[in-house]
Protein backbone atom coordinates (compact mmCIF):
# COMPACT_ATOMS: atom_id res chain seq x y z
CA MET A 1 -26.73 51.94 17.64
CA ASP A 2 -24.55 52.51 20.69
CA GLY A 3 -25.41 51.34 24.19
CA PHE A 4 -25.61 48.48 26.65
CA LEU A 5 -27.46 45.19 26.82
CA ASN A 6 -28.35 43.36 30.02
CA ILE A 7 -27.98 39.70 29.05
CA LEU A 8 -28.77 36.64 31.15
CA LYS A 9 -25.90 34.26 30.45
CA PRO A 10 -27.01 30.63 30.72
CA PRO A 11 -24.78 27.97 32.27
CA GLY A 12 -22.75 26.06 29.72
CA MET A 13 -21.88 29.07 27.54
CA SER A 14 -18.68 31.06 27.82
CA SER A 15 -18.87 34.85 27.94
CA HIS A 16 -17.17 34.85 24.53
CA ASP A 17 -19.90 32.57 23.17
CA VAL A 18 -22.49 35.11 24.31
CA ILE A 19 -20.63 37.87 22.46
CA GLY A 20 -20.75 35.77 19.29
CA ALA A 21 -24.48 35.22 19.68
CA VAL A 22 -25.13 38.95 20.20
CA ARG A 23 -23.10 39.84 17.10
CA LYS A 24 -25.16 37.40 15.08
CA VAL A 25 -28.50 38.74 16.35
CA LEU A 26 -27.66 42.44 15.96
CA HIS A 27 -25.41 42.11 12.89
CA MET A 28 -22.77 44.21 14.65
CA LYS A 29 -19.04 43.61 14.97
CA ARG A 30 -18.20 46.01 17.76
CA VAL A 31 -19.49 44.11 20.80
CA GLY A 32 -17.80 43.53 24.16
CA HIS A 33 -18.68 42.45 27.68
CA ALA A 34 -17.87 43.62 31.20
CA GLY A 35 -16.84 41.10 33.82
CA THR A 36 -16.24 37.56 32.56
CA LEU A 37 -18.52 34.83 33.89
CA ASP A 38 -17.18 31.27 33.97
CA PRO A 39 -18.94 28.87 31.56
CA ALA A 40 -20.59 26.96 34.43
CA ALA A 41 -21.94 30.15 36.01
CA ALA A 42 -25.13 31.99 35.08
CA GLY A 43 -26.47 35.49 35.52
CA VAL A 44 -25.99 39.10 34.54
CA LEU A 45 -23.50 39.73 31.73
CA PRO A 46 -23.40 43.40 30.68
CA ILE A 47 -22.78 43.77 26.95
CA ALA A 48 -21.63 46.95 25.21
CA VAL A 49 -22.27 47.60 21.52
CA GLY A 50 -20.97 50.26 19.16
CA GLN A 51 -19.26 53.27 20.72
CA ALA A 52 -20.37 52.13 24.18
CA ALA A 53 -17.72 49.39 23.98
CA ARG A 54 -15.23 52.14 24.82
CA LEU A 55 -16.88 52.46 28.24
CA ILE A 56 -16.46 48.84 29.34
CA GLU A 57 -13.43 49.53 31.54
CA TYR A 58 -15.52 51.98 33.58
CA LEU A 59 -18.50 49.67 33.82
CA GLU A 60 -16.18 47.01 35.24
CA LEU A 61 -15.46 49.28 38.21
CA ALA A 62 -19.00 48.68 39.52
CA ASP A 63 -19.64 46.39 42.49
CA LYS A 64 -21.10 42.96 41.81
CA THR A 65 -23.56 40.73 43.66
CA TYR A 66 -23.62 36.93 43.57
CA ARG A 67 -25.49 33.97 45.02
CA ALA A 68 -23.12 31.05 45.48
CA GLU A 69 -23.48 27.49 46.68
CA LEU A 70 -20.54 26.19 48.72
CA THR A 71 -20.09 22.44 49.19
CA PHE A 72 -17.87 21.15 51.99
CA GLY A 73 -15.82 17.97 51.82
CA PHE A 74 -13.77 18.35 48.64
CA ALA A 75 -11.64 20.86 46.78
CA THR A 76 -10.72 21.01 43.09
CA ASP A 77 -7.93 22.52 41.01
CA SER A 78 -10.36 25.01 39.46
CA GLY A 79 -12.22 25.96 42.63
CA ASP A 80 -15.56 24.77 41.27
CA ASP A 81 -17.14 21.38 40.68
CA THR A 82 -15.98 21.23 37.05
CA GLY A 83 -12.36 20.68 38.08
CA GLU A 84 -10.28 17.72 39.17
CA ILE A 85 -10.57 16.82 42.85
CA THR A 86 -7.37 17.70 44.71
CA GLU A 87 -8.53 17.04 48.28
CA GLU A 88 -11.43 15.09 49.73
CA VAL A 89 -12.68 13.99 53.15
CA ALA A 90 -15.34 11.30 53.34
CA ASP A 91 -16.51 11.54 56.95
CA PHE A 92 -16.68 14.88 58.72
CA ALA A 93 -18.94 16.90 60.96
CA MET A 94 -20.74 19.73 59.20
CA PRO A 95 -19.78 23.08 60.76
CA SER A 96 -22.61 24.61 62.76
CA GLN A 97 -24.55 27.54 61.40
CA GLN A 98 -23.15 29.71 64.20
CA ALA A 99 -19.56 28.69 63.38
CA ILE A 100 -20.08 29.52 59.70
CA GLU A 101 -21.63 32.91 60.44
CA HIS A 102 -18.73 33.72 62.77
CA VAL A 103 -16.16 32.88 60.08
CA LEU A 104 -18.02 34.93 57.46
CA LEU A 105 -17.38 38.03 59.56
CA ASP A 106 -13.64 37.54 58.99
CA PHE A 107 -14.22 37.70 55.24
CA THR A 108 -16.15 40.97 55.30
CA GLY A 109 -14.39 44.21 54.42
CA LYS A 110 -10.98 44.41 52.78
CA ILE A 111 -9.40 40.97 52.42
CA ARG A 112 -6.58 39.36 50.45
CA GLN A 113 -7.28 36.43 48.16
CA THR A 114 -5.38 34.49 45.53
CA PRO A 115 -7.31 34.12 42.26
CA PRO A 116 -7.57 30.58 40.88
CA ALA A 117 -5.05 29.53 38.25
CA HIS A 118 -7.98 28.39 36.11
CA SER A 119 -8.94 31.98 35.27
CA ALA A 120 -8.72 34.62 32.56
CA ILE A 121 -6.11 36.62 34.47
CA LYS A 122 -3.25 37.47 32.11
CA ILE A 123 0.34 36.58 32.91
CA GLY A 124 2.86 37.93 30.44
CA GLY A 125 0.07 38.66 27.98
CA LYS A 126 -1.45 35.15 28.11
CA ARG A 127 -4.42 33.92 30.11
CA ALA A 128 -3.55 31.80 33.11
CA CYS A 129 -5.96 29.05 32.04
CA ASP A 130 -4.28 28.86 28.61
CA LEU A 131 -0.85 28.54 30.24
CA LEU A 132 -2.17 25.65 32.33
CA ARG A 133 -3.41 23.88 29.20
CA GLU A 134 0.10 24.22 27.80
CA GLY A 135 1.43 22.41 30.87
CA LYS A 136 3.13 25.48 32.33
CA ASP A 137 3.26 26.34 36.02
CA VAL A 138 1.12 29.31 36.97
CA GLU A 139 1.61 31.49 40.03
CA ILE A 140 -0.84 34.33 40.58
CA PRO A 141 -0.06 36.80 43.38
CA SER A 142 -2.68 37.55 46.00
CA ARG A 143 -4.67 40.75 45.67
CA GLU A 144 -6.75 42.97 47.90
CA VAL A 145 -10.50 42.97 47.26
CA THR A 146 -13.47 44.27 49.21
CA ILE A 147 -16.40 42.18 50.39
CA HIS A 148 -19.14 44.70 51.16
CA ALA A 149 -21.64 42.10 52.39
CA LEU A 150 -21.46 38.33 52.96
CA ASP A 151 -24.62 36.62 54.19
CA LEU A 152 -25.55 33.02 54.90
CA VAL A 153 -28.96 32.59 53.26
CA ALA A 154 -29.40 28.80 53.49
CA TYR A 155 -27.87 26.00 55.58
CA HIS A 156 -28.17 22.38 54.43
CA PRO A 157 -26.25 20.15 56.86
CA GLU A 158 -27.50 16.89 55.34
CA GLU A 159 -26.09 17.85 51.92
CA LYS A 160 -22.98 19.55 53.39
CA LYS A 161 -23.90 22.71 51.51
CA ILE A 162 -24.60 26.36 52.25
CA LEU A 163 -25.88 29.26 50.13
CA LEU A 164 -24.18 32.64 50.31
CA ASP A 165 -25.05 36.10 49.05
CA VAL A 166 -21.96 38.14 48.25
CA GLN A 167 -21.65 41.82 47.36
CA CYS A 168 -18.09 42.58 46.34
CA SER A 169 -15.68 44.80 44.47
CA LYS A 170 -14.15 44.34 41.05
CA GLY A 171 -11.64 41.51 40.86
CA THR A 172 -13.20 39.28 43.53
CA TYR A 173 -13.22 35.55 42.76
CA ILE A 174 -16.07 33.70 44.46
CA ARG A 175 -14.31 30.38 43.83
CA SER A 176 -11.36 31.58 45.90
CA LEU A 177 -13.69 32.96 48.56
CA CYS A 178 -15.41 29.57 48.96
CA LEU A 179 -12.06 27.78 49.18
CA ASP A 180 -10.83 30.21 51.83
CA ILE A 181 -14.03 29.97 53.88
CA GLY A 182 -13.69 26.20 53.92
CA ALA A 183 -10.04 26.44 54.99
CA ALA A 184 -11.00 28.78 57.84
CA LEU A 185 -13.44 26.10 59.02
CA GLY A 186 -10.84 23.36 58.65
CA LEU A 187 -12.42 21.69 55.61
CA PRO A 188 -11.87 21.53 51.85
CA ALA A 189 -14.63 23.40 50.03
CA THR A 190 -15.74 24.06 46.48
CA MET A 191 -18.06 26.50 44.78
CA SER A 192 -20.73 24.23 43.31
CA PHE A 193 -23.11 26.83 41.86
CA LEU A 194 -22.94 30.53 40.99
CA VAL A 195 -25.42 33.14 39.78
CA ARG A 196 -24.46 36.77 39.32
CA SER A 197 -27.48 38.81 40.30
CA ARG A 198 -26.16 42.34 39.79
CA VAL A 199 -23.38 44.35 38.16
CA GLY A 200 -23.79 47.97 39.20
CA ASP A 201 -27.13 49.06 37.73
CA PHE A 202 -27.61 45.83 35.75
CA ALA A 203 -30.03 43.60 37.68
CA LEU A 204 -30.94 39.97 37.12
CA ALA A 205 -34.66 40.79 37.16
CA ASP A 206 -34.19 42.97 34.05
CA ALA A 207 -31.83 40.68 32.13
CA LEU A 208 -32.82 39.26 28.74
CA THR A 209 -32.18 35.75 27.53
CA LEU A 210 -30.58 35.41 24.11
CA GLU A 211 -33.96 34.25 22.80
CA GLU A 212 -35.60 37.43 24.12
CA LEU A 213 -32.82 39.50 22.55
CA GLY A 214 -33.57 37.80 19.23
CA GLU A 215 -37.16 39.00 19.46
CA ALA A 216 -36.34 42.53 20.63
CA GLY A 217 -33.32 43.21 18.42
CA GLU A 218 -31.99 46.78 18.60
CA ARG A 219 -34.92 47.80 20.82
CA ALA A 220 -33.09 46.05 23.68
CA ILE A 221 -30.11 48.44 23.47
CA LEU A 222 -30.08 50.81 26.44
CA GLU A 223 -28.60 54.28 26.89
CA PRO A 224 -25.12 53.86 28.42
CA ALA A 225 -25.45 56.79 30.80
CA HIS A 226 -28.16 55.01 32.79
CA PHE A 227 -25.72 52.28 33.84
CA LEU A 228 -22.79 54.30 35.13
CA SER A 229 -24.30 55.62 38.36
CA HIS A 230 -21.40 54.13 40.35
CA LEU A 231 -19.33 57.00 38.92
CA GLU A 232 -19.74 60.54 40.23
CA ARG A 233 -21.59 62.93 37.94
CA TYR A 234 -20.01 66.13 36.65
CA ASP A 235 -22.21 68.77 34.98
CA LEU A 236 -20.30 70.87 32.49
CA ASP A 237 -21.05 74.42 31.45
CA PRO A 238 -22.74 74.07 28.00
CA ARG A 239 -20.27 76.62 26.61
CA ARG A 240 -17.49 74.09 27.26
CA GLU A 241 -19.31 71.16 25.60
CA LYS A 242 -17.76 71.51 22.15
CA PRO A 243 -14.15 71.80 23.43
CA PHE A 244 -14.69 68.77 25.69
CA CYS A 245 -16.10 66.71 22.81
CA ASN A 246 -13.03 67.70 20.79
CA GLY A 247 -10.71 66.36 23.50
CA LEU A 248 -9.93 69.52 25.47
CA GLY A 249 -10.13 70.00 29.22
CA THR A 250 -13.19 71.59 30.77
CA GLY A 251 -11.37 74.81 31.63
CA GLU A 252 -13.35 74.90 34.87
CA ARG A 253 -11.46 74.95 38.16
CA ARG A 254 -13.38 72.81 40.63
CA HIS A 255 -12.38 70.68 43.60
CA VAL A 256 -13.56 67.07 43.22
CA PRO A 257 -12.53 65.32 46.47
CA GLU A 258 -14.08 61.86 46.18
CA THR A 259 -12.94 60.38 42.88
CA ASP A 260 -10.77 60.87 39.81
CA ILE A 261 -13.20 59.28 37.31
CA LEU A 262 -16.42 61.10 36.42
CA ARG A 263 -19.34 60.78 34.02
CA VAL A 264 -19.66 64.13 32.29
CA TYR A 265 -22.93 65.78 31.24
CA SER A 266 -23.87 69.06 29.61
CA ALA A 267 -27.47 70.30 29.72
CA GLY A 268 -28.55 66.78 30.69
CA ARG A 269 -26.69 65.17 27.75
CA PHE A 270 -24.12 62.47 28.45
CA LEU A 271 -20.78 63.38 26.86
CA GLY A 272 -18.48 60.65 28.13
CA ILE A 273 -15.99 59.90 30.88
CA GLY A 274 -13.59 62.45 32.30
CA ARG A 275 -10.59 62.23 34.63
CA TYR A 276 -10.07 64.86 37.28
CA ASP A 277 -6.62 66.44 37.10
CA ARG A 278 -5.74 67.48 40.64
CA ARG A 279 -2.95 69.77 39.50
CA SER A 280 -5.04 71.90 37.14
CA GLN A 281 -8.30 71.16 39.01
CA GLU A 282 -10.11 70.59 35.73
CA VAL A 283 -11.67 67.52 34.13
CA ILE A 284 -9.80 66.03 31.17
CA PRO A 285 -11.65 63.86 28.60
CA ALA A 286 -10.87 60.14 28.98
CA LYS A 287 -13.48 58.53 26.72
CA VAL A 288 -15.74 60.84 24.71
CA VAL A 289 -18.94 59.46 23.19
CA CYS A 290 -20.56 62.74 22.14
CA ARG A 291 -20.65 63.54 18.46
CA GLU A 292 -22.33 66.74 17.32
CA PRO A 293 -22.79 69.21 20.19
CA ALA A 294 -26.36 69.91 21.19
CA THR A 295 -25.77 73.64 20.69
CA LYS A 296 -23.31 75.59 18.59
CA ASN A 297 -20.83 77.61 20.61
């Protein structure tokens, strides 16, 4: 079976632990995930099995949505409340709701942020968090990310906490966002809770626990094409299906102005991912998942 799973990762498990559990349930070796969730976080973890594992890099391009709790008054080396405290203030005035909402506007749109050193970002082929464990200094350059929406959904002045809903692009670190929001308000801050509620077409309401996956088995595997709607669709002439599935270009000259990455279909059948070549104005296969063509050409 090839396809995707929408898994609800519980807090306390690493994303790699979830992969191991899925392999055990489905008795499959080829299993991968899109978008690592920290062990303390919970929420949507898209899983790819079989040939669909080849599509993970395209699934990771989808926007993500989170609900995060930010606690003012202390900061940690990891950016969340599992780390060592690096800064703390005991007595401070909680920023007003109006002040917080004003600052959130500055973090909407394209922003630059520095990912936390306690992360899976690779430096010289090794994860930053592993380098830290080895006692090595880690410097991660800032990067541009996009915050599509950033809303204050709850304000708890007595507890020095707020709840935020964040819709963001690939590569955004909510831990860094919380730290930066606190700094903009003149206070240390830490992400104290995180739930990922959506990755592209994968929604929290539809996610399965590992226990539910154990009951459903292979019936839980979903068609990959249904979860790539963030990519533009390209419908191929059925006469060009076999050449495309064999790794050849579409041979069709078309102008595709919006994107270079497309999900390719023929007669309603998902064939794989194509890249638009602007010089030849044809679509070149990038990752083909079709096997036998639907019709002989």
